[in-house]
Amino acid sequence: MQNKVLVLGSLVLVLALFIGFSFFYKSEQKVEQVATNTNINELLLRDYSYKMGDNQKNISVVEFLDPECESCAIYSEVVKKLYKEYYKDIQIVVKYLDNHKNSRLTIQMLEAARIQGKYEDVLNMMFEKHSLWASHYASVDKPELLWQFLKEIPGLDIEKLKVDMNNPKIDEIIAQDRADATSLGVRGTPTLFVNGVLLNSLSQKALFDLVEKEIYK
């Protein structure tokens, strides 16, 4: 009886490993297929996307993010460290995946602030004050507080921002980024690619290792 239990347990373990490997392989296969059939850079590097960094080594770190994503807010500290260390060598490219209740509103604010040269100020504010306004926190969900926080950013013209938020091009950007995400098999945020290579772990070490591999190869 004990032997039967051991055999059954072994079979369950093997089956679980097989399912896990199959899922991982299909995810990898999806990205490889896109890279083979379509130039992956066409999907990752759109002209309209916000970019930062000197990019002297021609290394693109593309992040699919959602300003209302709690994980994105946490991971933004890792991205900041990467940028501080390697801003001369890389460019960080922002793509959107609007998966949450107030995502569209926040993206409109970001793109409107971009016109005034305040994109990074607004994105940093959204992440730093995330727990005060985002819908992840059931007792919060107060996106209206963003207007108060925006007023604290020096030099940001709120009235102009409100007008620019209605630019239909913003909806086109959101739609195109979602289409690109679908083509790449990206469903959640944050998801990062370094020179077209999918980052499989969101640890700081994994990101730095992949970037450094591209820098020093």
N, C-alpha and C. Protein backbone atom coordinates (compact mmCIF):
# COMPACT_ATOMS: atom_id res chain seq x y z
N MET A 1 0.84 -1.21 0.00
CA MET A 1 0.00 0.00 0.00
C MET A 1 0.87 1.26 0.00
N GLN A 2 1.93 1.19 0.83
CA GLN A 2 2.83 2.34 0.91
C GLN A 2 3.52 2.59 -0.42
N ASN A 3 3.89 1.48 -1.11
CA ASN A 3 4.54 1.60 -2.42
C ASN A 3 3.60 2.23 -3.44
N LYS A 4 2.31 1.87 -3.37
CA LYS A 4 1.33 2.44 -4.30
C LYS A 4 1.19 3.95 -4.10
N VAL A 5 1.21 4.35 -2.83
CA VAL A 5 1.11 5.78 -2.52
C VAL A 5 2.32 6.52 -3.06
N LEU A 6 3.50 5.91 -2.90
CA LEU A 6 4.73 6.53 -3.41
C LEU A 6 4.71 6.66 -4.91
N VAL A 7 4.24 5.59 -5.58
CA VAL A 7 4.16 5.61 -7.05
C VAL A 7 3.18 6.67 -7.51
N LEU A 8 2.01 6.72 -6.85
CA LEU A 8 1.00 7.71 -7.21
C LEU A 8 1.53 9.12 -7.00
N GLY A 9 2.23 9.34 -5.88
CA GLY A 9 2.81 10.65 -5.61
C GLY A 9 3.82 11.04 -6.66
N SER A 10 4.61 10.08 -7.08
CA SER A 10 5.63 10.34 -8.11
C SER A 10 4.98 10.71 -9.43
N LEU A 11 3.90 10.00 -9.77
CA LEU A 11 3.19 10.29 -11.02
C LEU A 11 2.61 11.70 -11.01
N VAL A 12 2.04 12.09 -9.86
CA VAL A 12 1.46 13.43 -9.74
C VAL A 12 2.55 14.49 -9.90
N LEU A 13 3.71 14.24 -9.28
CA LEU A 13 4.82 15.19 -9.37
C LEU A 13 5.31 15.33 -10.80
N VAL A 14 5.46 14.18 -11.48
CA VAL A 14 5.90 14.20 -12.88
C VAL A 14 4.90 14.96 -13.75
N LEU A 15 3.59 14.70 -13.52
CA LEU A 15 2.56 15.37 -14.29
C LEU A 15 2.60 16.87 -14.06
N ALA A 16 2.78 17.29 -12.80
CA ALA A 16 2.85 18.72 -12.49
C ALA A 16 4.04 19.37 -13.17
N LEU A 17 5.18 18.68 -13.12
CA LEU A 17 6.37 19.22 -13.78
C LEU A 17 6.18 19.32 -15.28
N PHE A 18 5.52 18.31 -15.85
CA PHE A 18 5.28 18.32 -17.30
C PHE A 18 4.38 19.48 -17.70
N ILE A 19 3.31 19.70 -16.91
CA ILE A 19 2.38 20.80 -17.21
C ILE A 19 3.10 22.13 -17.08
N GLY A 20 3.89 22.27 -16.01
CA GLY A 20 4.63 23.51 -15.82
C GLY A 20 5.61 23.77 -16.94
N PHE A 21 6.33 22.72 -17.36
CA PHE A 21 7.30 22.87 -18.45
C PHE A 21 6.58 23.21 -19.75
N SER A 22 5.44 22.55 -19.99
CA SER A 22 4.70 22.81 -21.23
C SER A 22 4.24 24.25 -21.29
N PHE A 23 3.75 24.78 -20.15
CA PHE A 23 3.29 26.17 -20.12
C PHE A 23 4.44 27.11 -20.39
N PHE A 24 5.59 26.84 -19.72
CA PHE A 24 6.77 27.69 -19.91
C PHE A 24 7.24 27.62 -21.36
N TYR A 25 7.26 26.40 -21.91
CA TYR A 25 7.75 26.23 -23.29
C TYR A 25 6.85 26.96 -24.27
N LYS A 26 5.52 26.87 -24.06
CA LYS A 26 4.60 27.55 -24.97
C LYS A 26 4.76 29.06 -24.89
N SER A 27 5.01 29.58 -23.67
CA SER A 27 5.23 31.02 -23.53
C SER A 27 6.48 31.45 -24.28
N GLU A 28 7.56 30.66 -24.12
CA GLU A 28 8.80 30.97 -24.82
C GLU A 28 8.60 30.84 -26.32
N GLN A 29 7.86 29.78 -26.71
CA GLN A 29 7.63 29.53 -28.13
C GLN A 29 6.86 30.68 -28.76
N LYS A 30 5.92 31.25 -28.01
CA LYS A 30 5.12 32.36 -28.50
C LYS A 30 6.01 33.55 -28.85
N VAL A 31 6.93 33.89 -27.94
CA VAL A 31 7.84 35.02 -28.19
C VAL A 31 8.76 34.71 -29.36
N GLU A 32 9.27 33.46 -29.43
CA GLU A 32 10.15 33.09 -30.54
C GLU A 32 9.41 33.18 -31.86
N GLN A 33 8.15 32.75 -31.86
CA GLN A 33 7.37 32.77 -33.09
C GLN A 33 7.16 34.20 -33.57
N VAL A 34 6.87 35.10 -32.65
CA VAL A 34 6.71 36.50 -33.01
C VAL A 34 8.01 37.04 -33.59
N ALA A 35 9.12 36.71 -32.91
CA ALA A 35 10.42 37.20 -33.36
C ALA A 35 10.77 36.67 -34.74
N THR A 36 10.29 35.46 -35.05
CA THR A 36 10.59 34.85 -36.34
C THR A 36 9.72 35.43 -37.44
N ASN A 37 8.43 35.54 -37.16
CA ASN A 37 7.48 35.94 -38.21
C ASN A 37 7.36 37.45 -38.36
N THR A 38 7.69 38.18 -37.35
CA THR A 38 7.59 39.64 -37.38
C THR A 38 8.84 40.20 -36.73
N ASN A 39 9.29 41.31 -37.20
CA ASN A 39 10.42 41.96 -36.53
C ASN A 39 9.94 42.41 -35.15
N ILE A 40 10.47 41.78 -34.11
CA ILE A 40 9.99 42.05 -32.76
C ILE A 40 10.14 43.51 -32.37
N ASN A 41 11.13 44.18 -32.94
CA ASN A 41 11.33 45.59 -32.63
C ASN A 41 10.19 46.47 -33.14
N GLU A 42 9.50 46.01 -34.17
CA GLU A 42 8.35 46.76 -34.66
C GLU A 42 7.24 46.78 -33.62
N LEU A 43 7.17 45.73 -32.82
CA LEU A 43 6.15 45.64 -31.79
C LEU A 43 6.57 46.34 -30.50
N LEU A 44 7.86 46.30 -30.22
CA LEU A 44 8.35 46.85 -28.95
C LEU A 44 8.75 48.32 -29.03
N LEU A 45 9.24 48.74 -30.20
CA LEU A 45 9.81 50.09 -30.31
C LEU A 45 9.00 50.96 -31.26
N ARG A 46 7.88 51.42 -30.79
CA ARG A 46 7.04 52.35 -31.56
C ARG A 46 7.60 53.77 -31.42
N ASP A 47 7.48 54.53 -32.49
CA ASP A 47 8.02 55.90 -32.47
C ASP A 47 7.36 56.76 -31.39
N TYR A 48 6.09 56.49 -31.11
CA TYR A 48 5.36 57.36 -30.18
C TYR A 48 5.68 57.07 -28.71
N SER A 49 6.29 55.94 -28.41
CA SER A 49 6.50 55.53 -27.01
C SER A 49 7.45 56.48 -26.29
N TYR A 50 7.18 56.69 -25.00
CA TYR A 50 8.07 57.53 -24.20
C TYR A 50 9.37 56.78 -23.94
N LYS A 51 10.49 57.47 -24.14
CA LYS A 51 11.81 56.86 -23.98
C LYS A 51 12.69 57.75 -23.12
N MET A 52 13.54 57.12 -22.33
CA MET A 52 14.51 57.89 -21.53
C MET A 52 15.83 57.14 -21.48
N GLY A 53 16.93 57.90 -21.53
CA GLY A 53 18.26 57.31 -21.52
C GLY A 53 19.05 57.72 -22.75
N ASP A 54 20.38 57.76 -22.63
CA ASP A 54 21.24 58.18 -23.74
C ASP A 54 21.40 57.10 -24.80
N ASN A 55 21.28 55.83 -24.38
CA ASN A 55 21.31 54.68 -25.30
C ASN A 55 22.58 54.61 -26.14
N GLN A 56 23.72 54.87 -25.52
CA GLN A 56 24.99 54.83 -26.24
C GLN A 56 25.37 53.42 -26.68
N LYS A 57 24.85 52.39 -25.97
CA LYS A 57 25.16 51.00 -26.33
C LYS A 57 24.02 50.35 -27.13
N ASN A 58 23.02 51.15 -27.48
CA ASN A 58 21.90 50.64 -28.29
C ASN A 58 21.20 49.45 -27.62
N ILE A 59 20.82 49.66 -26.36
CA ILE A 59 20.14 48.62 -25.59
C ILE A 59 18.79 49.16 -25.14
N SER A 60 17.73 48.50 -25.58
CA SER A 60 16.38 48.94 -25.25
C SER A 60 15.77 48.06 -24.16
N VAL A 61 15.36 48.68 -23.08
CA VAL A 61 14.64 47.99 -22.01
C VAL A 61 13.19 48.44 -22.10
N VAL A 62 12.35 47.57 -22.62
CA VAL A 62 10.94 47.92 -22.86
C VAL A 62 10.10 47.36 -21.72
N GLU A 63 9.31 48.22 -21.10
CA GLU A 63 8.44 47.78 -20.02
C GLU A 63 6.98 48.02 -20.37
N PHE A 64 6.20 46.94 -20.36
CA PHE A 64 4.74 47.06 -20.41
C PHE A 64 4.30 47.34 -18.97
N LEU A 65 3.67 48.49 -18.77
CA LEU A 65 3.24 48.84 -17.42
C LEU A 65 1.83 49.41 -17.42
N ASP A 66 1.27 49.45 -16.23
CA ASP A 66 -0.03 50.05 -15.98
C ASP A 66 0.15 50.94 -14.76
N PRO A 67 -0.10 52.25 -14.88
CA PRO A 67 0.12 53.14 -13.74
C PRO A 67 -0.67 52.75 -12.49
N GLU A 68 -1.75 51.98 -12.67
CA GLU A 68 -2.54 51.57 -11.51
C GLU A 68 -2.13 50.19 -10.99
N CYS A 69 -1.16 49.58 -11.62
CA CYS A 69 -0.69 48.25 -11.24
C CYS A 69 0.18 48.34 -9.98
N GLU A 70 -0.21 47.61 -8.95
CA GLU A 70 0.53 47.63 -7.68
C GLU A 70 1.94 47.09 -7.87
N SER A 71 2.07 46.01 -8.63
CA SER A 71 3.39 45.41 -8.87
C SER A 71 4.30 46.37 -9.63
N CYS A 72 3.70 47.13 -10.55
CA CYS A 72 4.48 48.12 -11.31
C CYS A 72 5.02 49.20 -10.38
N ALA A 73 4.19 49.61 -9.44
CA ALA A 73 4.61 50.64 -8.48
C ALA A 73 5.79 50.14 -7.65
N ILE A 74 5.72 48.89 -7.22
CA ILE A 74 6.81 48.32 -6.43
C ILE A 74 8.06 48.15 -7.29
N TYR A 75 7.87 47.62 -8.50
CA TYR A 75 9.02 47.33 -9.37
C TYR A 75 9.66 48.59 -9.92
N SER A 76 8.96 49.70 -9.87
CA SER A 76 9.52 50.96 -10.38
C SER A 76 10.82 51.33 -9.67
N GLU A 77 10.97 50.90 -8.43
CA GLU A 77 12.21 51.18 -7.70
C GLU A 77 13.39 50.45 -8.32
N VAL A 78 13.15 49.25 -8.82
CA VAL A 78 14.20 48.48 -9.51
C VAL A 78 14.58 49.16 -10.82
N VAL A 79 13.56 49.61 -11.56
CA VAL A 79 13.80 50.28 -12.84
C VAL A 79 14.57 51.58 -12.61
N LYS A 80 14.24 52.30 -11.55
CA LYS A 80 14.97 53.54 -11.23
C LYS A 80 16.44 53.26 -10.96
N LYS A 81 16.71 52.19 -10.22
CA LYS A 81 18.10 51.83 -9.93
C LYS A 81 18.85 51.47 -11.21
N LEU A 82 18.17 50.75 -12.09
CA LEU A 82 18.79 50.38 -13.36
C LEU A 82 19.11 51.62 -14.17
N TYR A 83 18.17 52.55 -14.22
CA TYR A 83 18.36 53.78 -15.00
C TYR A 83 19.50 54.61 -14.42
N LYS A 84 19.53 54.72 -13.11
CA LYS A 84 20.59 55.50 -12.45
C LYS A 84 21.97 54.92 -12.76
N GLU A 85 22.05 53.60 -12.82
CA GLU A 85 23.33 52.93 -13.05
C GLU A 85 23.75 52.96 -14.51
N TYR A 86 22.78 52.82 -15.43
CA TYR A 86 23.14 52.59 -16.83
C TYR A 86 22.46 53.55 -17.82
N TYR A 87 22.04 54.72 -17.37
CA TYR A 87 21.30 55.61 -18.26
C TYR A 87 22.09 56.01 -19.50
N LYS A 88 23.42 56.00 -19.41
CA LYS A 88 24.22 56.34 -20.59
C LYS A 88 24.19 55.24 -21.64
N ASP A 89 24.04 54.01 -21.18
CA ASP A 89 24.14 52.86 -22.08
C ASP A 89 22.80 52.42 -22.67
N ILE A 90 21.71 52.67 -21.96
CA ILE A 90 20.42 52.08 -22.35
C ILE A 90 19.37 53.15 -22.62
N GLN A 91 18.25 52.68 -23.18
CA GLN A 91 17.04 53.50 -23.20
C GLN A 91 15.91 52.66 -22.61
N ILE A 92 15.14 53.28 -21.75
CA ILE A 92 13.96 52.64 -21.19
C ILE A 92 12.75 53.11 -21.98
N VAL A 93 11.97 52.17 -22.45
CA VAL A 93 10.82 52.46 -23.31
C VAL A 93 9.55 52.03 -22.57
N VAL A 94 8.58 52.92 -22.52
CA VAL A 94 7.33 52.64 -21.81
C VAL A 94 6.23 52.27 -22.80
N LYS A 95 5.60 51.11 -22.54
CA LYS A 95 4.40 50.71 -23.28
C LYS A 95 3.31 50.42 -22.25
N TYR A 96 2.07 50.65 -22.65
CA TYR A 96 0.96 50.54 -21.71
C TYR A 96 0.17 49.25 -21.89
N LEU A 97 -0.38 48.78 -20.77
CA LEU A 97 -1.35 47.69 -20.81
C LEU A 97 -2.39 48.02 -19.74
N ASP A 98 -3.50 48.58 -20.19
CA ASP A 98 -4.51 49.13 -19.29
C ASP A 98 -5.43 48.04 -18.74
N ASN A 99 -5.04 47.44 -17.63
CA ASN A 99 -5.77 46.31 -17.07
C ASN A 99 -6.63 46.65 -15.86
N HIS A 100 -6.64 47.90 -15.43
CA HIS A 100 -7.33 48.23 -14.20
C HIS A 100 -8.38 49.33 -14.40
N LYS A 101 -9.14 49.54 -13.36
CA LYS A 101 -10.30 50.43 -13.40
C LYS A 101 -9.97 51.85 -13.84
N ASN A 102 -8.89 52.40 -13.31
CA ASN A 102 -8.54 53.80 -13.60
C ASN A 102 -7.34 53.94 -14.53
N SER A 103 -6.99 52.85 -15.21
CA SER A 103 -5.79 52.85 -16.06
C SER A 103 -5.85 53.90 -17.16
N ARG A 104 -6.97 53.95 -17.85
CA ARG A 104 -7.08 54.87 -18.98
C ARG A 104 -6.92 56.32 -18.51
N LEU A 105 -7.53 56.66 -17.39
CA LEU A 105 -7.41 58.02 -16.84
C LEU A 105 -5.95 58.36 -16.57
N THR A 106 -5.22 57.44 -15.95
CA THR A 106 -3.84 57.73 -15.60
C THR A 106 -2.95 57.85 -16.84
N ILE A 107 -3.23 57.04 -17.85
CA ILE A 107 -2.45 57.12 -19.09
C ILE A 107 -2.73 58.45 -19.79
N GLN A 108 -3.98 58.88 -19.77
CA GLN A 108 -4.31 60.19 -20.35
C GLN A 108 -3.54 61.30 -19.64
N MET A 109 -3.48 61.22 -18.32
CA MET A 109 -2.74 62.23 -17.55
C MET A 109 -1.25 62.22 -17.92
N LEU A 110 -0.70 61.02 -18.02
CA LEU A 110 0.72 60.90 -18.36
C LEU A 110 1.04 61.50 -19.72
N GLU A 111 0.25 61.12 -20.71
CA GLU A 111 0.53 61.58 -22.07
C GLU A 111 0.31 63.09 -22.20
N ALA A 112 -0.67 63.62 -21.46
CA ALA A 112 -0.90 65.06 -21.49
C ALA A 112 0.25 65.79 -20.78
N ALA A 113 0.74 65.22 -19.69
CA ALA A 113 1.87 65.82 -18.97
C ALA A 113 3.14 65.76 -19.80
N ARG A 114 3.23 64.76 -20.63
CA ARG A 114 4.40 64.61 -21.51
C ARG A 114 4.58 65.83 -22.41
N ILE A 115 3.50 66.40 -22.87
CA ILE A 115 3.55 67.58 -23.73
C ILE A 115 4.23 68.74 -23.02
N GLN A 116 4.08 68.78 -21.70
CA GLN A 116 4.69 69.85 -20.90
C GLN A 116 6.05 69.45 -20.33
N GLY A 117 6.56 68.30 -20.75
CA GLY A 117 7.85 67.85 -20.24
C GLY A 117 7.81 67.36 -18.81
N LYS A 118 6.63 66.89 -18.37
CA LYS A 118 6.46 66.48 -16.97
C LYS A 118 6.09 65.00 -16.84
N TYR A 119 6.38 64.23 -17.86
CA TYR A 119 5.98 62.81 -17.88
C TYR A 119 6.55 62.06 -16.68
N GLU A 120 7.85 62.13 -16.48
CA GLU A 120 8.49 61.37 -15.41
C GLU A 120 8.05 61.85 -14.04
N ASP A 121 7.81 63.15 -13.90
CA ASP A 121 7.33 63.68 -12.63
C ASP A 121 5.97 63.08 -12.27
N VAL A 122 5.10 63.00 -13.27
CA VAL A 122 3.75 62.48 -13.02
C VAL A 122 3.79 60.97 -12.76
N LEU A 123 4.57 60.24 -13.55
CA LEU A 123 4.65 58.79 -13.34
C LEU A 123 5.21 58.47 -11.95
N ASN A 124 6.26 59.18 -11.56
CA ASN A 124 6.83 58.97 -10.22
C ASN A 124 5.82 59.28 -9.14
N MET A 125 5.06 60.34 -9.32
CA MET A 125 4.04 60.70 -8.34
C MET A 125 2.99 59.60 -8.22
N MET A 126 2.53 59.08 -9.36
CA MET A 126 1.51 58.03 -9.34
C MET A 126 1.98 56.79 -8.59
N PHE A 127 3.23 56.42 -8.79
CA PHE A 127 3.76 55.23 -8.12
C PHE A 127 4.04 55.50 -6.65
N GLU A 128 4.60 56.65 -6.34
CA GLU A 128 4.94 56.96 -4.95
C GLU A 128 3.70 57.09 -4.07
N LYS A 129 2.61 57.58 -4.63
CA LYS A 129 1.38 57.79 -3.86
C LYS A 129 0.32 56.73 -4.19
N HIS A 130 0.78 55.62 -4.72
CA HIS A 130 -0.11 54.57 -5.22
C HIS A 130 -1.13 54.11 -4.19
N SER A 131 -0.68 53.90 -2.97
CA SER A 131 -1.56 53.37 -1.93
C SER A 131 -2.65 54.35 -1.51
N LEU A 132 -2.53 55.60 -1.94
CA LEU A 132 -3.51 56.62 -1.55
C LEU A 132 -4.66 56.75 -2.53
N TRP A 133 -4.48 56.26 -3.77
CA TRP A 133 -5.52 56.51 -4.78
C TRP A 133 -5.96 55.29 -5.58
N ALA A 134 -5.12 54.27 -5.69
CA ALA A 134 -5.39 53.18 -6.64
C ALA A 134 -6.49 52.24 -6.17
N SER A 135 -7.17 51.61 -7.12
CA SER A 135 -8.33 50.76 -6.82
C SER A 135 -7.94 49.42 -6.21
N HIS A 136 -6.65 49.11 -6.13
CA HIS A 136 -6.22 47.86 -5.49
C HIS A 136 -6.61 47.85 -4.02
N TYR A 137 -6.65 49.02 -3.45
CA TYR A 137 -6.91 49.14 -2.02
C TYR A 137 -8.39 49.47 -1.83
N ALA A 138 -9.15 48.47 -1.39
CA ALA A 138 -10.61 48.58 -1.34
C ALA A 138 -11.08 49.79 -0.55
N SER A 139 -10.34 50.15 0.47
CA SER A 139 -10.74 51.29 1.29
C SER A 139 -10.34 52.62 0.67
N VAL A 140 -9.64 52.55 -0.46
CA VAL A 140 -9.15 53.77 -1.10
C VAL A 140 -9.93 54.04 -2.39
N ASP A 141 -9.40 53.59 -3.51
CA ASP A 141 -9.99 53.81 -4.83
C ASP A 141 -10.47 55.25 -4.98
N LYS A 142 -9.54 56.18 -4.87
CA LYS A 142 -9.86 57.60 -4.96
C LYS A 142 -9.02 58.27 -6.05
N PRO A 143 -9.29 57.94 -7.33
CA PRO A 143 -8.50 58.53 -8.40
C PRO A 143 -8.60 60.05 -8.46
N GLU A 144 -9.67 60.58 -7.87
CA GLU A 144 -9.83 62.04 -7.87
C GLU A 144 -8.70 62.73 -7.10
N LEU A 145 -8.05 61.98 -6.19
CA LEU A 145 -6.93 62.55 -5.45
C LEU A 145 -5.74 62.87 -6.36
N LEU A 146 -5.70 62.22 -7.52
CA LEU A 146 -4.60 62.48 -8.45
C LEU A 146 -4.56 63.95 -8.86
N TRP A 147 -5.72 64.57 -8.96
CA TRP A 147 -5.76 65.99 -9.34
C TRP A 147 -5.08 66.84 -8.27
N GLN A 148 -5.28 66.48 -7.03
CA GLN A 148 -4.63 67.20 -5.94
C GLN A 148 -3.11 67.01 -6.01
N PHE A 149 -2.69 65.78 -6.28
CA PHE A 149 -1.26 65.48 -6.35
C PHE A 149 -0.61 66.16 -7.55
N LEU A 150 -1.35 66.25 -8.64
CA LEU A 150 -0.82 66.92 -9.84
C LEU A 150 -0.51 68.38 -9.57
N LYS A 151 -1.34 69.00 -8.74
CA LYS A 151 -1.13 70.42 -8.42
C LYS A 151 0.16 70.66 -7.64
N GLU A 152 0.70 69.60 -7.07
CA GLU A 152 1.93 69.71 -6.29
C GLU A 152 3.19 69.63 -7.15
N ILE A 153 3.00 69.35 -8.46
CA ILE A 153 4.15 69.24 -9.36
C ILE A 153 4.47 70.62 -9.92
N PRO A 154 5.63 71.16 -9.62
CA PRO A 154 5.99 72.53 -10.06
C PRO A 154 5.95 72.67 -11.58
N GLY A 155 5.31 73.75 -12.03
CA GLY A 155 5.32 74.07 -13.45
C GLY A 155 4.31 73.33 -14.29
N LEU A 156 3.51 72.47 -13.70
CA LEU A 156 2.50 71.72 -14.47
C LEU A 156 1.23 72.54 -14.58
N ASP A 157 0.83 72.84 -15.82
CA ASP A 157 -0.38 73.60 -16.10
C ASP A 157 -1.57 72.63 -16.13
N ILE A 158 -2.36 72.64 -15.07
CA ILE A 158 -3.46 71.68 -14.93
C ILE A 158 -4.54 71.89 -15.99
N GLU A 159 -4.86 73.14 -16.28
CA GLU A 159 -5.92 73.41 -17.26
C GLU A 159 -5.51 72.92 -18.65
N LYS A 160 -4.26 73.14 -19.01
CA LYS A 160 -3.78 72.65 -20.30
C LYS A 160 -3.78 71.13 -20.32
N LEU A 161 -3.39 70.53 -19.20
CA LEU A 161 -3.37 69.08 -19.10
C LEU A 161 -4.77 68.50 -19.33
N LYS A 162 -5.78 69.13 -18.75
CA LYS A 162 -7.16 68.65 -18.91
C LYS A 162 -7.58 68.66 -20.38
N VAL A 163 -7.17 69.70 -21.09
CA VAL A 163 -7.51 69.79 -22.52
C VAL A 163 -6.77 68.71 -23.31
N ASP A 164 -5.48 68.58 -23.04
CA ASP A 164 -4.65 67.63 -23.80
C ASP A 164 -5.01 66.18 -23.52
N MET A 165 -5.62 65.91 -22.39
CA MET A 165 -6.04 64.55 -22.06
C MET A 165 -7.09 64.02 -23.03
N ASN A 166 -7.79 64.92 -23.70
CA ASN A 166 -8.86 64.52 -24.62
C ASN A 166 -8.36 64.26 -26.03
N ASN A 167 -7.06 64.33 -26.24
CA ASN A 167 -6.51 64.07 -27.57
C ASN A 167 -6.78 62.62 -27.97
N PRO A 168 -7.47 62.39 -29.09
CA PRO A 168 -7.80 61.02 -29.52
C PRO A 168 -6.57 60.16 -29.79
N LYS A 169 -5.42 60.77 -29.99
CA LYS A 169 -4.19 60.00 -30.24
C LYS A 169 -3.82 59.14 -29.03
N ILE A 170 -4.24 59.58 -27.86
CA ILE A 170 -3.93 58.80 -26.65
C ILE A 170 -4.64 57.45 -26.69
N ASP A 171 -5.90 57.45 -27.12
CA ASP A 171 -6.63 56.19 -27.26
C ASP A 171 -5.99 55.30 -28.31
N GLU A 172 -5.45 55.91 -29.35
CA GLU A 172 -4.76 55.13 -30.39
C GLU A 172 -3.51 54.47 -29.83
N ILE A 173 -2.79 55.20 -28.99
CA ILE A 173 -1.59 54.65 -28.35
C ILE A 173 -1.96 53.46 -27.46
N ILE A 174 -3.00 53.64 -26.65
CA ILE A 174 -3.45 52.57 -25.75
C ILE A 174 -3.84 51.33 -26.55
N ALA A 175 -4.58 51.54 -27.63
CA ALA A 175 -5.03 50.41 -28.45
C ALA A 175 -3.86 49.70 -29.13
N GLN A 176 -2.91 50.48 -29.65
CA GLN A 176 -1.77 49.88 -30.35
C GLN A 176 -0.88 49.10 -29.38
N ASP A 177 -0.66 49.66 -28.20
CA ASP A 177 0.16 48.96 -27.21
C ASP A 177 -0.52 47.66 -26.77
N ARG A 178 -1.83 47.68 -26.63
CA ARG A 178 -2.54 46.45 -26.26
C ARG A 178 -2.44 45.42 -27.38
N ALA A 179 -2.55 45.88 -28.62
CA ALA A 179 -2.41 44.96 -29.76
C ALA A 179 -1.01 44.35 -29.79
N ASP A 180 0.01 45.17 -29.51
CA ASP A 180 1.39 44.67 -29.47
C ASP A 180 1.55 43.66 -28.34
N ALA A 181 0.96 43.95 -27.20
CA ALA A 181 1.03 43.03 -26.06
C ALA A 181 0.40 41.68 -26.42
N THR A 182 -0.74 41.74 -27.08
CA THR A 182 -1.42 40.51 -27.49
C THR A 182 -0.56 39.70 -28.45
N SER A 183 0.06 40.37 -29.40
CA SER A 183 0.93 39.70 -30.37
C SER A 183 2.12 39.03 -29.70
N LEU A 184 2.58 39.63 -28.61
CA LEU A 184 3.74 39.11 -27.89
C LEU A 184 3.37 38.12 -26.79
N GLY A 185 2.08 37.93 -26.58
CA GLY A 185 1.66 37.04 -25.51
C GLY A 185 1.76 37.65 -24.13
N VAL A 186 1.81 38.97 -24.07
CA VAL A 186 1.91 39.67 -22.78
C VAL A 186 0.51 39.95 -22.25
N ARG A 187 0.24 39.50 -21.03
CA ARG A 187 -1.08 39.70 -20.44
C ARG A 187 -1.05 40.50 -19.14
N GLY A 188 0.09 40.46 -18.46
CA GLY A 188 0.18 41.14 -17.17
C GLY A 188 1.29 42.16 -17.13
N THR A 189 1.28 42.96 -16.08
CA THR A 189 2.30 43.99 -15.88
C THR A 189 2.89 43.85 -14.49
N PRO A 190 4.17 44.21 -14.32
CA PRO A 190 5.09 44.65 -15.38
C PRO A 190 5.65 43.46 -16.16
N THR A 191 5.84 43.66 -17.46
CA THR A 191 6.53 42.69 -18.31
C THR A 191 7.62 43.45 -19.05
N LEU A 192 8.84 42.91 -19.02
CA LEU A 192 9.98 43.63 -19.61
C LEU A 192 10.69 42.79 -20.65
N PHE A 193 11.22 43.49 -21.65
CA PHE A 193 12.06 42.89 -22.68
C PHE A 193 13.36 43.69 -22.75
N VAL A 194 14.48 43.00 -22.85
CA VAL A 194 15.77 43.66 -23.03
C VAL A 194 16.31 43.27 -24.39
N ASN A 195 16.36 44.24 -25.29
CA ASN A 195 16.74 43.96 -26.69
C ASN A 195 15.96 42.79 -27.26
N GLY A 196 14.67 42.77 -26.98
CA GLY A 196 13.79 41.75 -27.53
C GLY A 196 13.74 40.45 -26.76
N VAL A 197 14.55 40.33 -25.70
CA VAL A 197 14.58 39.11 -24.89
C VAL A 197 13.67 39.29 -23.67
N LEU A 198 12.74 38.37 -23.49
CA LEU A 198 11.80 38.45 -22.38
C LEU A 198 12.50 38.23 -21.05
N LEU A 199 12.26 39.11 -20.09
CA LEU A 199 12.78 38.94 -18.74
C LEU A 199 11.88 37.94 -18.01
N ASN A 200 12.43 36.78 -17.64
CA ASN A 200 11.62 35.71 -17.07
C ASN A 200 11.42 35.82 -15.57
N SER A 201 12.21 36.66 -14.92
CA SER A 201 12.08 36.85 -13.47
C SER A 201 12.13 38.34 -13.18
N LEU A 202 11.29 38.79 -12.26
CA LEU A 202 11.25 40.22 -11.95
C LEU A 202 12.18 40.59 -10.80
N SER A 203 13.14 39.75 -10.50
CA SER A 203 14.11 40.11 -9.48
C SER A 203 15.06 41.18 -10.02
N GLN A 204 15.60 41.98 -9.13
CA GLN A 204 16.57 43.01 -9.54
C GLN A 204 17.78 42.36 -10.20
N LYS A 205 18.23 41.25 -9.65
CA LYS A 205 19.41 40.57 -10.19
C LYS A 205 19.17 40.11 -11.62
N ALA A 206 18.00 39.54 -11.87
CA ALA A 206 17.71 39.03 -13.22
C ALA A 206 17.73 40.16 -14.24
N LEU A 207 17.15 41.31 -13.89
CA LEU A 207 17.13 42.44 -14.81
C LEU A 207 18.53 42.98 -15.05
N PHE A 208 19.28 43.19 -13.99
CA PHE A 208 20.65 43.72 -14.13
C PHE A 208 21.53 42.75 -14.91
N ASP A 209 21.38 41.45 -14.63
CA ASP A 209 22.19 40.45 -15.34
C ASP A 209 21.92 40.47 -16.83
N LEU A 210 20.63 40.58 -17.21
CA LEU A 210 20.28 40.57 -18.62
C LEU A 210 20.78 41.83 -19.32
N VAL A 211 20.66 42.97 -18.66
CA VAL A 211 21.15 44.23 -19.24
C VAL A 211 22.67 44.20 -19.36
N GLU A 212 23.34 43.75 -18.32
CA GLU A 212 24.81 43.70 -18.34
C GLU A 212 25.32 42.72 -19.39
N LYS A 213 24.57 41.65 -19.60
CA LYS A 213 24.94 40.69 -20.65
C LYS A 213 24.95 41.38 -22.01
N GLU A 214 23.97 42.25 -22.24
CA GLU A 214 23.90 42.98 -23.51
C GLU A 214 24.99 44.05 -23.60
N ILE A 215 25.29 44.68 -22.49
CA ILE A 215 26.30 45.74 -22.48
C ILE A 215 27.70 45.19 -22.78
N TYR A 216 28.00 44.06 -22.16
CA TYR A 216 29.38 43.55 -22.22
C TYR A 216 29.60 42.41 -23.20
N LYS A 217 28.61 42.10 -24.00
CA LYS A 217 28.79 40.98 -24.93
C LYS A 217 29.69 41.40 -26.10
